[in-house]
Amino acid sequence: MEFLNLRNALQTIDAEVVLLQVAATTKKTPNSRIPNYLSLSSQLLCQVHNITLHADKETDEIYPQMTLQPVCK
């Protein structure tokens, strides 16, 4: 039942959402080439193109993977 509740709480395809950028902690290696997007706004208006639900194999926690495209307005 929680799966259905999560699905209902997610945005729908073609919906417009605001992406809030947050700092993430990553393990950087000396040869790591992670892009730096500091020039972007901290809030980006995006359109949802795809939503895929995944489950963590160890915890059974369900999480969404969404494909977003910035909207120019």
Foldseek 3Di string as FASTA:
>chain_A
DVVVVVVVPDDDAFDKDKQADDDDDDDDDPPDDDDDDPVDDRIFIWGWHDWDWDADPVPRDIDIDTDIDTDDD
